[in-house]
Amino acid sequence: MDTLFPLGKVVVTPGAHHAFKEAGEQLTPYLNRHASGDWSETDPDERRDNVSALDCGLAIRSTYYTSAGKLWILTEADRSATTILMPEEQ
């Protein structure tokens, strides 16, 4: 799969780790989708922001609805890290 940007260090918050472990679901497919530009349920304005961020070096955020609940994946502007979290952990 082609990626559009580097993920940097991947960090999974405790809530996301617990939710996915309980649901028996893997995080890797969501990371792959995020890095390849499949931002799923991200609203149209944020989707446009993500496209611009690819050229301007800004943060990129994806939203996914999973069996574990709503999930956010955020890659920092400098691409040094990507955080996987549940919205309630923000």
PDB file of N, CA and C in Angstrom:
ATOM      1  N   MET A   1       0.847  -1.183   0.000  1.00  0.00           N
ATOM      2  CA  MET A   1       0.000   0.000   0.000  1.00  0.00           C
ATOM      3  C   MET A   1       0.890   1.243   0.000  1.00  0.00           C
ATOM      4  N   ASP A   2       0.553   2.193  -0.850  1.00  0.00           N
ATOM      5  CA  ASP A   2       1.310   3.437  -0.916  1.00  0.00           C
ATOM      6  C   ASP A   2       0.875   4.362   0.214  1.00  0.00           C
ATOM      7  N   THR A   3       1.867   4.977   0.863  1.00  0.00           N
ATOM      8  CA  THR A   3       1.565   5.942   1.909  1.00  0.00           C
ATOM      9  C   THR A   3       1.859   7.341   1.401  1.00  0.00           C
ATOM     10  N   LEU A   4       1.122   8.315   1.915  1.00  0.00           N
ATOM     11  CA  LEU A   4       1.276   9.701   1.499  1.00  0.00           C
ATOM     12  C   LEU A   4       2.220  10.481   2.395  1.00  0.00           C
ATOM     13  N   PHE A   5       2.479   9.955   3.602  1.00  0.00           N
ATOM     14  CA  PHE A   5       3.321  10.664   4.568  1.00  0.00           C
ATOM     15  C   PHE A   5       3.814   9.656   5.608  1.00  0.00           C
ATOM     16  N   PRO A   6       4.945   9.970   6.262  1.00  0.00           N
ATOM     17  CA  PRO A   6       5.441   9.086   7.315  1.00  0.00           C
ATOM     18  C   PRO A   6       4.617   9.251   8.590  1.00  0.00           C
ATOM     19  N   LEU A   7       4.479   8.183   9.334  1.00  0.00           N
ATOM     20  CA  LEU A   7       3.727   8.210  10.591  1.00  0.00           C
ATOM     21  C   LEU A   7       4.582   8.615  11.778  1.00  0.00           C
ATOM     22  N   GLY A   8       5.897   8.478  11.664  1.00  0.00           N
ATOM     23  CA  GLY A   8       6.763   8.729  12.813  1.00  0.00           C
ATOM     24  C   GLY A   8       6.538   7.658  13.861  1.00  0.00           C
ATOM     25  N   LYS A   9       6.785   8.003  15.104  1.00  0.00           N
ATOM     26  CA  LYS A   9       6.559   7.073  16.213  1.00  0.00           C
ATOM     27  C   LYS A   9       5.056   6.934  16.440  1.00  0.00           C
ATOM     28  N   VAL A  10       4.562   5.704  16.485  1.00  0.00           N
ATOM     29  CA  VAL A  10       3.132   5.466  16.703  1.00  0.00           C
ATOM     30  C   VAL A  10       2.885   5.260  18.197  1.00  0.00           C
ATOM     31  N   VAL A  11       1.958   6.053  18.729  1.00  0.00           N
ATOM     32  CA  VAL A  11       1.596   6.012  20.147  1.00  0.00           C
ATOM     33  C   VAL A  11       0.118   5.652  20.244  1.00  0.00           C
ATOM     34  N   VAL A  12      -0.189   4.674  21.083  1.00  0.00           N
ATOM     35  CA  VAL A  12      -1.572   4.265  21.314  1.00  0.00           C
ATOM     36  C   VAL A  12      -1.925   4.632  22.750  1.00  0.00           C
ATOM     37  N   THR A  13      -2.969   5.423  22.923  1.00  0.00           N
ATOM     38  CA  THR A  13      -3.373   5.807  24.269  1.00  0.00           C
ATOM     39  C   THR A  13      -3.947   4.596  25.011  1.00  0.00           C
ATOM     40  N   PRO A  14      -3.952   4.643  26.335  1.00  0.00           N
ATOM     41  CA  PRO A  14      -4.503   3.522  27.104  1.00  0.00           C
ATOM     42  C   PRO A  14      -5.954   3.200  26.743  1.00  0.00           C
ATOM     43  N   GLY A  15      -6.771   4.223  26.535  1.00  0.00           N
ATOM     44  CA  GLY A  15      -8.172   3.993  26.199  1.00  0.00           C
ATOM     45  C   GLY A  15      -8.348   3.290  24.870  1.00  0.00           C
ATOM     46  N   ALA A  16      -7.576   3.702  23.874  1.00  0.00           N
ATOM     47  CA  ALA A  16      -7.648   3.065  22.554  1.00  0.00           C
ATOM     48  C   ALA A  16      -7.141   1.630  22.645  1.00  0.00           C
ATOM     49  N   HIS A  17      -6.052   1.437  23.356  1.00  0.00           N
ATOM     50  CA  HIS A  17      -5.510   0.078  23.508  1.00  0.00           C
ATOM     51  C   HIS A  17      -6.541  -0.838  24.161  1.00  0.00           C
ATOM     52  N   HIS A  18      -7.139  -0.373  25.224  1.00  0.00           N
ATOM     53  CA  HIS A  18      -8.130  -1.179  25.948  1.00  0.00           C
ATOM     54  C   HIS A  18      -9.362  -1.454  25.075  1.00  0.00           C
ATOM     55  N   ALA A  19      -9.869  -0.428  24.404  1.00  0.00           N
ATOM     56  CA  ALA A  19     -11.070  -0.595  23.581  1.00  0.00           C
ATOM     57  C   ALA A  19     -10.838  -1.610  22.470  1.00  0.00           C
ATOM     58  N   PHE A  20      -9.690  -1.538  21.811  1.00  0.00           N
ATOM     59  CA  PHE A  20      -9.419  -2.467  20.716  1.00  0.00           C
ATOM     60  C   PHE A  20      -9.134  -3.869  21.221  1.00  0.00           C
ATOM     61  N   LYS A  21      -8.494  -3.976  22.366  1.00  0.00           N
ATOM     62  CA  LYS A  21      -8.259  -5.300  22.946  1.00  0.00           C
ATOM     63  C   LYS A  21      -9.596  -5.956  23.304  1.00  0.00           C
ATOM     64  N   GLU A  22     -10.487  -5.190  23.917  1.00  0.00           N
ATOM     65  CA  GLU A  22     -11.813  -5.710  24.284  1.00  0.00           C
ATOM     66  C   GLU A  22     -12.630  -6.102  23.053  1.00  0.00           C
ATOM     67  N   ALA A  23     -12.507  -5.332  21.977  1.00  0.00           N
ATOM     68  CA  ALA A  23     -13.271  -5.596  20.752  1.00  0.00           C
ATOM     69  C   ALA A  23     -12.627  -6.690  19.902  1.00  0.00           C
ATOM     70  N   GLY A  24     -11.375  -7.063  20.220  1.00  0.00           N
ATOM     71  CA  GLY A  24     -10.675  -8.066  19.423  1.00  0.00           C
ATOM     72  C   GLY A  24     -10.342  -7.556  18.026  1.00  0.00           C
ATOM     73  N   GLU A  25     -10.156  -6.262  17.910  1.00  0.00           N
ATOM     74  CA  GLU A  25      -9.896  -5.634  16.621  1.00  0.00           C
ATOM     75  C   GLU A  25      -8.448  -5.135  16.578  1.00  0.00           C
ATOM     76  N   GLN A  26      -7.872  -5.103  15.377  1.00  0.00           N
ATOM     77  CA  GLN A  26      -6.500  -4.653  15.180  1.00  0.00           C
ATOM     78  C   GLN A  26      -6.472  -3.179  14.771  1.00  0.00           C
ATOM     79  N   LEU A  27      -5.448  -2.459  15.214  1.00  0.00           N
ATOM     80  CA  LEU A  27      -5.286  -1.057  14.868  1.00  0.00           C
ATOM     81  C   LEU A  27      -4.578  -0.847  13.529  1.00  0.00           C
ATOM     82  N   THR A  28      -3.761  -1.801  13.111  1.00  0.00           N
ATOM     83  CA  THR A  28      -2.946  -1.643  11.905  1.00  0.00           C
ATOM     84  C   THR A  28      -3.748  -1.265  10.657  1.00  0.00           C
ATOM     85  N   PRO A  29      -4.891  -1.890  10.396  1.00  0.00           N
ATOM     86  CA  PRO A  29      -5.641  -1.482   9.197  1.00  0.00           C
ATOM     87  C   PRO A  29      -6.038  -0.003   9.207  1.00  0.00           C
ATOM     88  N   TYR A  30      -6.341   0.537  10.375  1.00  0.00           N
ATOM     89  CA  TYR A  30      -6.717   1.948  10.475  1.00  0.00           C
ATOM     90  C   TYR A  30      -5.507   2.847  10.253  1.00  0.00           C
ATOM     91  N   LEU A  31      -4.350   2.450  10.773  1.00  0.00           N
ATOM     92  CA  LEU A  31      -3.122   3.208  10.508  1.00  0.00           C
ATOM     93  C   LEU A  31      -2.802   3.225   9.022  1.00  0.00           C
ATOM     94  N   ASN A  32      -2.952   2.079   8.374  1.00  0.00           N
ATOM     95  CA  ASN A  32      -2.686   1.992   6.936  1.00  0.00           C
ATOM     96  C   ASN A  32      -3.633   2.891   6.151  1.00  0.00           C
ATOM     97  N   ARG A  33      -4.902   2.882   6.516  1.00  0.00           N
ATOM     98  CA  ARG A  33      -5.873   3.741   5.838  1.00  0.00           C
ATOM     99  C   ARG A  33      -5.516   5.217   6.033  1.00  0.00           C
ATOM    100  N   HIS A  34      -5.179   5.584   7.250  1.00  0.00           N
ATOM    101  CA  HIS A  34      -4.802   6.964   7.581  1.00  0.00           C
ATOM    102  C   HIS A  34      -3.627   7.418   6.719  1.00  0.00           C
ATOM    103  N   ALA A  35      -2.570   6.629   6.684  1.00  0.00           N
ATOM    104  CA  ALA A  35      -1.349   7.007   5.959  1.00  0.00           C
ATOM    105  C   ALA A  35      -1.539   7.014   4.446  1.00  0.00           C
ATOM    106  N   SER A  36      -2.545   6.300   3.955  1.00  0.00           N
ATOM    107  CA  SER A  36      -2.769   6.255   2.504  1.00  0.00           C
ATOM    108  C   SER A  36      -3.809   7.281   2.038  1.00  0.00           C
ATOM    109  N   GLY A  37      -4.348   8.072   2.969  1.00  0.00           N
ATOM    110  CA  GLY A  37      -5.292   9.122   2.594  1.00  0.00           C
ATOM    111  C   GLY A  37      -6.749   8.726   2.658  1.00  0.00           C
ATOM    112  N   ASP A  38      -7.058   7.555   3.205  1.00  0.00           N
ATOM    113  CA  ASP A  38      -8.451   7.154   3.424  1.00  0.00           C
ATOM    114  C   ASP A  38      -8.839   7.643   4.820  1.00  0.00           C
ATOM    115  N   TRP A  39      -9.348   8.870   4.887  1.00  0.00           N
ATOM    116  CA  TRP A  39      -9.657   9.488   6.173  1.00  0.00           C
ATOM    117  C   TRP A  39     -11.083   9.214   6.621  1.00  0.00           C
ATOM    118  N   SER A  40     -11.757   8.322   5.949  1.00  0.00           N
ATOM    119  CA  SER A  40     -13.049   7.749   6.314  1.00  0.00           C
ATOM    120  C   SER A  40     -14.085   8.793   6.699  1.00  0.00           C
ATOM    121  N   GLU A  41     -14.515   8.797   7.931  1.00  0.00           N
ATOM    122  CA  GLU A  41     -15.630   9.638   8.363  1.00  0.00           C
ATOM    123  C   GLU A  41     -15.214  11.062   8.718  1.00  0.00           C
ATOM    124  N   THR A  42     -14.025  11.462   8.344  1.00  0.00           N
ATOM    125  CA  THR A  42     -13.581  12.831   8.580  1.00  0.00           C
ATOM    126  C   THR A  42     -14.498  13.779   7.808  1.00  0.00           C
ATOM    127  N   ASP A  43     -14.920  14.875   8.449  1.00  0.00           N
ATOM    128  CA  ASP A  43     -15.866  15.774   7.773  1.00  0.00           C
ATOM    129  C   ASP A  43     -15.192  16.443   6.567  1.00  0.00           C
ATOM    130  N   PRO A  44     -15.990  16.937   5.611  1.00  0.00           N
ATOM    131  CA  PRO A  44     -15.439  17.489   4.363  1.00  0.00           C
ATOM    132  C   PRO A  44     -14.426  18.615   4.568  1.00  0.00           C
ATOM    133  N   ASP A  45     -14.665  19.509   5.523  1.00  0.00           N
ATOM    134  CA  ASP A  45     -13.718  20.600   5.766  1.00  0.00           C
ATOM    135  C   ASP A  45     -12.374  20.059   6.256  1.00  0.00           C
ATOM    136  N   GLU A  46     -12.435  19.127   7.182  1.00  0.00           N
ATOM    137  CA  GLU A  46     -11.186  18.559   7.700  1.00  0.00           C
ATOM    138  C   GLU A  46     -10.493  17.713   6.632  1.00  0.00           C
ATOM    139  N   ARG A  47     -11.247  17.072   5.780  1.00  0.00           N
ATOM    140  CA  ARG A  47     -10.670  16.312   4.669  1.00  0.00           C
ATOM    141  C   ARG A  47      -9.867  17.256   3.758  1.00  0.00           C
ATOM    142  N   ARG A  48     -10.447  18.426   3.444  1.00  0.00           N
ATOM    143  CA  ARG A  48      -9.724  19.421   2.638  1.00  0.00           C
ATOM    144  C   ARG A  48      -8.470  19.902   3.371  1.00  0.00           C
ATOM    145  N   ASP A  49      -8.602  20.107   4.686  1.00  0.00           N
ATOM    146  CA  ASP A  49      -7.439  20.510   5.483  1.00  0.00           C
ATOM    147  C   ASP A  49      -6.345  19.450   5.422  1.00  0.00           C
ATOM    148  N   ASN A  50      -6.737  18.175   5.477  1.00  0.00           N
ATOM    149  CA  ASN A  50      -5.757  17.090   5.406  1.00  0.00           C
ATOM    150  C   ASN A  50      -5.022  17.101   4.061  1.00  0.00           C
ATOM    151  N   VAL A  51      -5.752  17.330   2.981  1.00  0.00           N
ATOM    152  CA  VAL A  51      -5.119  17.388   1.663  1.00  0.00           C
ATOM    153  C   VAL A  51      -4.117  18.538   1.622  1.00  0.00           C
ATOM    154  N   SER A  52      -4.502  19.697   2.134  1.00  0.00           N
ATOM    155  CA  SER A  52      -3.587  20.841   2.189  1.00  0.00           C
ATOM    156  C   SER A  52      -2.395  20.551   3.087  1.00  0.00           C
ATOM    157  N   ALA A  53      -2.635  19.851   4.179  1.00  0.00           N
ATOM    158  CA  ALA A  53      -1.564  19.539   5.138  1.00  0.00           C
ATOM    159  C   ALA A  53      -0.468  18.684   4.517  1.00  0.00           C
ATOM    160  N   LEU A  54      -0.822  17.895   3.518  1.00  0.00           N
ATOM    161  CA  LEU A  54       0.191  17.077   2.849  1.00  0.00           C
ATOM    162  C   LEU A  54       1.259  17.958   2.209  1.00  0.00           C
ATOM    163  N   ASP A  55       0.860  19.096   1.663  1.00  0.00           N
ATOM    164  CA  ASP A  55       1.798  20.014   1.012  1.00  0.00           C
ATOM    165  C   ASP A  55       2.403  21.021   1.977  1.00  0.00           C
ATOM    166  N   CYS A  56       1.638  21.416   2.975  1.00  0.00           N
ATOM    167  CA  CYS A  56       2.067  22.492   3.881  1.00  0.00           C
ATOM    168  C   CYS A  56       2.720  21.999   5.167  1.00  0.00           C
ATOM    169  N   GLY A  57       2.717  20.688   5.399  1.00  0.00           N
ATOM    170  CA  GLY A  57       3.327  20.161   6.616  1.00  0.00           C
ATOM    171  C   GLY A  57       2.545  20.451   7.877  1.00  0.00           C
ATOM    172  N   LEU A  58       1.224  20.373   7.803  1.00  0.00           N
ATOM    173  CA  LEU A  58       0.378  20.555   8.982  1.00  0.00           C
ATOM    174  C   LEU A  58      -0.083  19.199   9.504  1.00  0.00           C
ATOM    175  N   ALA A  59      -0.705  19.202  10.671  1.00  0.00           N
ATOM    176  CA  ALA A  59      -1.200  17.957  11.273  1.00  0.00           C
ATOM    177  C   ALA A  59      -2.313  17.354  10.425  1.00  0.00           C
ATOM    178  N   ILE A  60      -2.427  16.032  10.493  1.00  0.00           N
ATOM    179  CA  ILE A  60      -3.441  15.282   9.739  1.00  0.00           C
ATOM    180  C   ILE A  60      -4.244  14.446  10.730  1.00  0.00           C
ATOM    181  N   ARG A  61      -5.587  14.528  10.643  1.00  0.00           N
ATOM    182  CA  ARG A  61      -6.433  13.758  11.557  1.00  0.00           C
ATOM    183  C   ARG A  61      -7.468  12.969  10.778  1.00  0.00           C
ATOM    184  N   SER A  62      -7.623  11.712  11.162  1.00  0.00           N
ATOM    185  CA  SER A  62      -8.655  10.839  10.609  1.00  0.00           C
ATOM    186  C   SER A  62      -9.636  10.457  11.695  1.00  0.00           C
ATOM    187  N   THR A  63     -10.873  10.208  11.276  1.00  0.00           N
ATOM    188  CA  THR A  63     -11.913   9.728  12.172  1.00  0.00           C
ATOM    189  C   THR A  63     -12.464   8.433  11.593  1.00  0.00           C
ATOM    190  N   TYR A  64     -12.552   7.419  12.445  1.00  0.00           N
ATOM    191  CA  TYR A  64     -13.097   6.123  12.022  1.00  0.00           C
ATOM    192  C   TYR A  64     -14.120   5.664  13.054  1.00  0.00           C
ATOM    193  N   TYR A  65     -15.177   5.016  12.573  1.00  0.00           N
ATOM    194  CA  TYR A  65     -16.136   4.365  13.460  1.00  0.00           C
ATOM    195  C   TYR A  65     -15.844   2.879  13.380  1.00  0.00           C
ATOM    196  N   THR A  66     -15.490   2.300  14.506  1.00  0.00           N
ATOM    197  CA  THR A  66     -15.042   0.918  14.571  1.00  0.00           C
ATOM    198  C   THR A  66     -15.919   0.132  15.536  1.00  0.00           C
ATOM    199  N   SER A  67     -15.705  -1.172  15.600  1.00  0.00           N
ATOM    200  CA  SER A  67     -16.451  -1.975  16.578  1.00  0.00           C
ATOM    201  C   SER A  67     -16.045  -1.602  18.000  1.00  0.00           C
ATOM    202  N   ALA A  68     -14.893  -0.951  18.156  1.00  0.00           N
ATOM    203  CA  ALA A  68     -14.427  -0.501  19.472  1.00  0.00           C
ATOM    204  C   ALA A  68     -14.943   0.895  19.810  1.00  0.00           C
ATOM    205  N   GLY A  69     -15.602   1.555  18.870  1.00  0.00           N
ATOM    206  CA  GLY A  69     -16.101   2.910  19.074  1.00  0.00           C
ATOM    207  C   GLY A  69     -15.446   3.879  18.107  1.00  0.00           C
ATOM    208  N   LYS A  70     -15.725   5.146  18.296  1.00  0.00           N
ATOM    209  CA  LYS A  70     -15.144   6.185  17.448  1.00  0.00           C
ATOM    210  C   LYS A  70     -13.655   6.300  17.760  1.00  0.00           C
ATOM    211  N   LEU A  71     -12.854   6.394  16.714  1.00  0.00           N
ATOM    212  CA  LEU A  71     -11.399   6.418  16.846  1.00  0.00           C
ATOM    213  C   LEU A  71     -10.837   7.603  16.084  1.00  0.00           C
ATOM    214  N   TRP A  72      -9.863   8.286  16.691  1.00  0.00           N
ATOM    215  CA  TRP A  72      -9.131   9.335  16.008  1.00  0.00           C
ATOM    216  C   TRP A  72      -7.690   8.890  15.827  1.00  0.00           C
ATOM    217  N   ILE A  73      -7.115   9.257  14.694  1.00  0.00           N
ATOM    218  CA  ILE A  73      -5.682   9.077  14.456  1.00  0.00           C
ATOM    219  C   ILE A  73      -5.142  10.432  14.050  1.00  0.00           C
ATOM    220  N   LEU A  74      -4.132  10.899  14.764  1.00  0.00           N
ATOM    221  CA  LEU A  74      -3.569  12.224  14.548  1.00  0.00           C
ATOM    222  C   LEU A  74      -2.069  12.110  14.300  1.00  0.00           C
ATOM    223  N   THR A  75      -1.630  12.591  13.138  1.00  0.00           N
ATOM    224  CA  THR A  75      -0.204  12.661  12.828  1.00  0.00           C
ATOM    225  C   THR A  75       0.237  14.105  13.001  1.00  0.00           C
ATOM    226  N   GLU A  76       1.298  14.294  13.772  1.00  0.00           N
ATOM    227  CA  GLU A  76       1.817  15.620  14.064  1.00  0.00           C
ATOM    228  C   GLU A  76       2.297  16.317  12.794  1.00  0.00           C
ATOM    229  N   ALA A  77       2.317  17.627  12.826  1.00  0.00           N
ATOM    230  CA  ALA A  77       2.717  18.426  11.675  1.00  0.00           C
ATOM    231  C   ALA A  77       4.120  18.081  11.193  1.00  0.00           C
ATOM    232  N   ASP A  78       5.033  17.798  12.123  1.00  0.00           N
ATOM    233  CA  ASP A  78       6.410  17.479  11.718  1.00  0.00           C
ATOM    234  C   ASP A  78       6.594  16.001  11.381  1.00  0.00           C
ATOM    235  N   ARG A  79       5.494  15.237  11.424  1.00  0.00           N
ATOM    236  CA  ARG A  79       5.474  13.802  11.099  1.00  0.00           C
ATOM    237  C   ARG A  79       6.350  12.970  12.035  1.00  0.00           C
ATOM    238  N   SER A  80       6.635  13.503  13.213  1.00  0.00           N
ATOM    239  CA  SER A  80       7.467  12.784  14.172  1.00  0.00           C
ATOM    240  C   SER A  80       6.687  11.724  14.936  1.00  0.00           C
ATOM    241  N   ALA A  81       5.364  11.879  15.012  1.00  0.00           N
ATOM    242  CA  ALA A  81       4.561  10.940  15.789  1.00  0.00           C
ATOM    243  C   ALA A  81       3.125  10.906  15.282  1.00  0.00           C
ATOM    244  N   THR A  82       2.503   9.757  15.476  1.00  0.00           N
ATOM    245  CA  THR A  82       1.088   9.560  15.188  1.00  0.00           C
ATOM    246  C   THR A  82       0.456   8.970  16.434  1.00  0.00           C
ATOM    247  N   THR A  83      -0.626   9.582  16.884  1.00  0.00           N
ATOM    248  CA  THR A  83      -1.315   9.131  18.091  1.00  0.00           C
ATOM    249  C   THR A  83      -2.667   8.550  17.723  1.00  0.00           C
ATOM    250  N   ILE A  84      -2.954   7.382  18.289  1.00  0.00           N
ATOM    251  CA  ILE A  84      -4.256   6.733  18.138  1.00  0.00           C
ATOM    252  C   ILE A  84      -4.986   6.907  19.459  1.00  0.00           C
ATOM    253  N   LEU A  85      -6.175   7.517  19.412  1.00  0.00           N
ATOM    254  CA  LEU A  85      -6.892   7.775  20.650  1.00  0.00           C
ATOM    255  C   LEU A  85      -8.395   7.726  20.437  1.00  0.00           C
ATOM    256  N   MET A  86      -9.082   7.565  21.525  1.00  0.00           N
ATOM    257  CA  MET A  86     -10.527   7.662  21.539  1.00  0.00           C
ATOM    258  C   MET A  86     -10.866   9.136  21.812  1.00  0.00           C
ATOM    259  N   PRO A  87     -11.931   9.679  21.231  1.00  0.00           N
ATOM    260  CA  PRO A  87     -12.247  11.100  21.404  1.00  0.00           C
ATOM    261  C   PRO A  87     -12.331  11.552  22.859  1.00  0.00           C
ATOM    262  N   GLU A  88     -12.811  10.697  23.735  1.00  0.00           N
ATOM    263  CA  GLU A  88     -12.945  11.089  25.144  1.00  0.00           C
ATOM    264  C   GLU A  88     -11.589  11.274  25.834  1.00  0.00           C
ATOM    265  N   GLU A  89     -10.510  10.872  25.164  1.00  0.00           N
ATOM    266  CA  GLU A  89      -9.171  11.008  25.749  1.00  0.00           C
ATOM    267  C   GLU A  89      -8.484  12.322  25.372  1.00  0.00           C
ATOM    268  N   GLN A  90      -9.127  13.143  24.580  1.00  0.00           N
ATOM    269  CA  GLN A  90      -8.470  14.381  24.130  1.00  0.00           C
ATOM    270  C   GLN A  90      -8.215  15.340  25.243  1.00  0.00           C
TER     271      GLN A  90
END
